[in-house]
């Protein structure tokens, strides 16, 4: 997955139609994984101004193995008819 530096938070859908946000992170080396994930979640909450629940978050690595983003699935609580 490529992460566009000009688009720090990108909204898309997975193959099942679920909302997925790719959120870039830039944290110092050796930062604990939990801290990096929380930074991505906090950045997403700054962008989305509605209530939501994070249902899944997975790291996105660059070619050197450094986490550069998180793919975050959310549920806004809106149920389809």
N, C-alpha and C. Protein backbone atom coordinates (compact mmCIF):
# COMPACT_ATOMS: atom_id res chain seq x y z
N UNK A 1 0.84 -1.17 0.00
CA UNK A 1 0.00 0.00 0.00
C UNK A 1 0.89 1.23 0.00
N UNK A 2 0.57 2.16 -0.89
CA UNK A 2 1.31 3.41 -0.93
C UNK A 2 0.58 4.45 -0.10
N UNK A 3 1.35 5.25 0.60
CA UNK A 3 0.79 6.31 1.43
C UNK A 3 1.21 7.63 0.80
N UNK A 4 0.23 8.45 0.43
CA UNK A 4 0.49 9.73 -0.20
C UNK A 4 0.76 10.78 0.88
N UNK A 5 1.93 11.37 0.86
CA UNK A 5 2.31 12.35 1.88
C UNK A 5 1.40 13.58 1.88
N UNK A 6 0.76 13.87 0.74
CA UNK A 6 -0.13 15.03 0.65
C UNK A 6 -1.52 14.74 1.22
N UNK A 7 -1.80 13.49 1.50
CA UNK A 7 -3.11 13.09 2.00
C UNK A 7 -2.93 12.30 3.30
N UNK A 8 -2.79 12.99 4.45
CA UNK A 8 -2.48 12.30 5.71
C UNK A 8 -3.59 11.39 6.22
N UNK A 9 -4.84 11.64 5.82
CA UNK A 9 -5.95 10.77 6.18
C UNK A 9 -6.75 10.52 4.91
N UNK A 10 -6.84 9.25 4.51
CA UNK A 10 -7.54 8.90 3.28
C UNK A 10 -8.69 7.95 3.60
N UNK A 11 -9.86 8.27 3.08
CA UNK A 11 -11.04 7.44 3.28
C UNK A 11 -11.23 6.53 2.07
N UNK A 12 -11.53 5.26 2.35
CA UNK A 12 -11.81 4.31 1.29
C UNK A 12 -12.75 3.23 1.83
N UNK A 13 -12.97 2.21 1.03
CA UNK A 13 -13.79 1.08 1.45
C UNK A 13 -13.04 -0.20 1.17
N UNK A 14 -13.28 -1.21 2.01
CA UNK A 14 -12.70 -2.51 1.75
C UNK A 14 -13.61 -3.26 0.78
N UNK A 15 -13.27 -4.49 0.46
CA UNK A 15 -14.05 -5.25 -0.53
C UNK A 15 -15.47 -5.58 -0.06
N UNK A 16 -15.71 -5.44 1.24
CA UNK A 16 -17.05 -5.69 1.79
C UNK A 16 -17.85 -4.40 1.95
N UNK A 17 -17.29 -3.27 1.53
CA UNK A 17 -18.00 -2.00 1.63
C UNK A 17 -17.85 -1.30 2.96
N UNK A 18 -17.00 -1.80 3.84
CA UNK A 18 -16.77 -1.17 5.14
C UNK A 18 -15.87 0.05 4.98
N UNK A 19 -16.13 1.10 5.77
CA UNK A 19 -15.32 2.31 5.73
C UNK A 19 -13.95 2.04 6.37
N UNK A 20 -12.90 2.42 5.64
CA UNK A 20 -11.53 2.27 6.12
C UNK A 20 -10.81 3.59 5.92
N UNK A 21 -10.13 4.04 6.95
CA UNK A 21 -9.30 5.23 6.84
C UNK A 21 -7.84 4.81 6.94
N UNK A 22 -7.01 5.35 6.07
CA UNK A 22 -5.57 5.17 6.17
C UNK A 22 -5.03 6.46 6.76
N UNK A 23 -4.43 6.34 7.93
CA UNK A 23 -3.98 7.51 8.69
C UNK A 23 -2.46 7.46 8.83
N UNK A 24 -1.79 8.46 8.26
CA UNK A 24 -0.34 8.52 8.36
C UNK A 24 0.09 8.85 9.78
N UNK A 25 1.21 8.29 10.17
CA UNK A 25 1.81 8.59 11.47
C UNK A 25 3.28 8.93 11.25
N UNK A 26 3.79 9.78 12.09
CA UNK A 26 5.22 10.09 12.06
C UNK A 26 5.66 10.23 13.51
N UNK A 27 6.19 9.15 14.02
CA UNK A 27 6.64 9.12 15.40
C UNK A 27 8.11 8.72 15.44
N UNK A 28 8.82 9.11 16.47
CA UNK A 28 10.24 8.75 16.57
C UNK A 28 10.44 7.24 16.58
N UNK A 29 11.60 6.83 16.12
CA UNK A 29 11.96 5.42 16.15
C UNK A 29 11.88 4.89 17.57
N UNK A 30 11.56 3.64 17.70
CA UNK A 30 11.46 2.94 18.98
C UNK A 30 10.30 3.40 19.85
N UNK A 31 9.33 4.08 19.25
CA UNK A 31 8.12 4.45 19.97
C UNK A 31 7.28 3.18 20.14
N UNK A 32 6.75 2.92 21.32
CA UNK A 32 5.94 1.71 21.52
C UNK A 32 4.76 1.66 20.54
N UNK A 33 4.43 0.46 20.07
CA UNK A 33 3.36 0.25 19.08
C UNK A 33 2.04 0.84 19.56
N UNK A 34 1.74 0.70 20.84
CA UNK A 34 0.47 1.21 21.37
C UNK A 34 0.40 2.74 21.24
N UNK A 35 1.54 3.40 21.43
CA UNK A 35 1.60 4.85 21.34
C UNK A 35 1.38 5.31 19.89
N UNK A 36 1.98 4.59 18.95
CA UNK A 36 1.84 4.93 17.54
C UNK A 36 0.39 4.73 17.10
N UNK A 37 -0.22 3.61 17.50
CA UNK A 37 -1.62 3.35 17.15
C UNK A 37 -2.53 4.42 17.75
N UNK A 38 -2.29 4.79 18.99
CA UNK A 38 -3.11 5.83 19.62
C UNK A 38 -2.95 7.17 18.89
N UNK A 39 -1.75 7.48 18.44
CA UNK A 39 -1.53 8.71 17.68
C UNK A 39 -2.36 8.70 16.39
N UNK A 40 -2.43 7.56 15.72
CA UNK A 40 -3.24 7.45 14.51
C UNK A 40 -4.72 7.61 14.84
N UNK A 41 -5.17 6.98 15.91
CA UNK A 41 -6.57 7.10 16.32
C UNK A 41 -6.92 8.54 16.69
N UNK A 42 -6.02 9.22 17.40
CA UNK A 42 -6.25 10.62 17.78
C UNK A 42 -6.33 11.51 16.55
N UNK A 43 -5.45 11.27 15.58
CA UNK A 43 -5.47 12.06 14.34
C UNK A 43 -6.79 11.86 13.60
N UNK A 44 -7.28 10.63 13.57
CA UNK A 44 -8.55 10.33 12.91
C UNK A 44 -9.70 11.04 13.61
N UNK A 45 -9.69 11.06 14.93
CA UNK A 45 -10.74 11.74 15.69
C UNK A 45 -10.74 13.25 15.43
N UNK A 46 -9.57 13.81 15.14
CA UNK A 46 -9.48 15.23 14.79
C UNK A 46 -10.14 15.52 13.44
N UNK A 47 -10.11 14.55 12.55
CA UNK A 47 -10.64 14.72 11.19
C UNK A 47 -12.14 14.42 11.12
N UNK A 48 -12.56 13.39 11.83
CA UNK A 48 -13.97 12.98 11.80
C UNK A 48 -14.68 13.62 12.99
N UNK A 49 -15.65 14.41 12.71
CA UNK A 49 -16.34 15.14 13.78
C UNK A 49 -17.70 14.52 14.08
N UNK A 50 -17.73 13.20 14.14
CA UNK A 50 -18.93 12.49 14.54
C UNK A 50 -18.50 11.32 15.41
N UNK A 51 -19.45 10.78 16.12
CA UNK A 51 -19.16 9.67 17.01
C UNK A 51 -18.92 8.40 16.19
N UNK A 52 -17.88 7.66 16.53
CA UNK A 52 -17.61 6.39 15.86
C UNK A 52 -16.83 5.47 16.78
N UNK A 53 -16.86 4.21 16.42
CA UNK A 53 -16.13 3.18 17.16
C UNK A 53 -15.11 2.56 16.22
N UNK A 54 -13.90 2.38 16.69
CA UNK A 54 -12.87 1.72 15.90
C UNK A 54 -13.07 0.22 16.05
N UNK A 55 -13.26 -0.45 14.93
CA UNK A 55 -13.50 -1.89 14.98
C UNK A 55 -12.25 -2.71 14.67
N UNK A 56 -11.29 -2.07 13.99
CA UNK A 56 -10.06 -2.79 13.64
C UNK A 56 -9.01 -1.77 13.25
N UNK A 57 -7.77 -2.02 13.60
CA UNK A 57 -6.66 -1.17 13.20
C UNK A 57 -5.44 -2.04 12.93
N UNK A 58 -4.86 -1.86 11.76
CA UNK A 58 -3.65 -2.62 11.43
C UNK A 58 -2.58 -1.68 10.91
N UNK A 59 -1.32 -1.91 11.28
CA UNK A 59 -0.25 -1.03 10.84
C UNK A 59 0.08 -1.22 9.36
N UNK A 60 0.55 -0.13 8.73
CA UNK A 60 1.05 -0.16 7.36
C UNK A 60 2.54 0.15 7.46
N UNK A 61 3.36 -0.73 6.92
CA UNK A 61 4.81 -0.60 7.01
C UNK A 61 5.41 -0.12 5.69
N UNK A 62 6.53 0.61 5.79
CA UNK A 62 7.26 0.94 4.57
C UNK A 62 8.21 -0.21 4.25
N UNK A 63 9.02 -0.05 3.23
CA UNK A 63 9.90 -1.14 2.79
C UNK A 63 11.00 -1.47 3.79
N UNK A 64 11.23 -0.58 4.76
CA UNK A 64 12.26 -0.85 5.76
C UNK A 64 11.69 -1.42 7.06
N UNK A 65 10.37 -1.59 7.08
CA UNK A 65 9.73 -2.16 8.26
C UNK A 65 9.26 -1.15 9.29
N UNK A 66 9.28 0.13 8.94
CA UNK A 66 8.82 1.18 9.86
C UNK A 66 7.34 1.44 9.61
N UNK A 67 6.59 1.59 10.70
CA UNK A 67 5.16 1.88 10.58
C UNK A 67 5.01 3.32 10.08
N UNK A 68 4.30 3.48 8.95
CA UNK A 68 4.11 4.81 8.37
C UNK A 68 2.64 5.24 8.41
N UNK A 69 1.76 4.29 8.70
CA UNK A 69 0.33 4.59 8.73
C UNK A 69 -0.40 3.45 9.43
N UNK A 70 -1.67 3.70 9.70
CA UNK A 70 -2.57 2.66 10.19
C UNK A 70 -3.79 2.63 9.31
N UNK A 71 -4.24 1.45 8.97
CA UNK A 71 -5.54 1.28 8.33
C UNK A 71 -6.52 1.06 9.47
N UNK A 72 -7.55 1.91 9.52
CA UNK A 72 -8.49 1.88 10.65
C UNK A 72 -9.90 1.73 10.12
N UNK A 73 -10.57 0.66 10.55
CA UNK A 73 -11.96 0.42 10.21
C UNK A 73 -12.82 1.03 11.31
N UNK A 74 -13.90 1.68 10.90
CA UNK A 74 -14.76 2.30 11.90
C UNK A 74 -16.20 1.88 11.70
N UNK A 75 -16.97 2.05 12.75
CA UNK A 75 -18.43 1.86 12.73
C UNK A 75 -19.05 3.12 13.31
N UNK A 76 -19.86 3.79 12.52
CA UNK A 76 -20.49 5.02 12.99
C UNK A 76 -21.82 4.75 13.68
N UNK A 77 -22.21 3.48 13.74
CA UNK A 77 -23.46 3.12 14.40
C UNK A 77 -24.68 3.25 13.52
N UNK A 78 -24.47 3.65 12.27
CA UNK A 78 -25.59 3.79 11.34
C UNK A 78 -25.85 2.44 10.72
N UNK A 79 -27.02 1.93 10.91
CA UNK A 79 -27.40 0.63 10.36
C UNK A 79 -28.14 0.81 9.05
N UNK A 80 -27.79 0.02 8.02
CA UNK A 80 -28.50 0.13 6.75
C UNK A 80 -29.94 -0.36 6.90
N UNK A 81 -30.82 0.16 6.05
CA UNK A 81 -32.24 -0.24 6.07
C UNK A 81 -32.44 -1.59 5.44
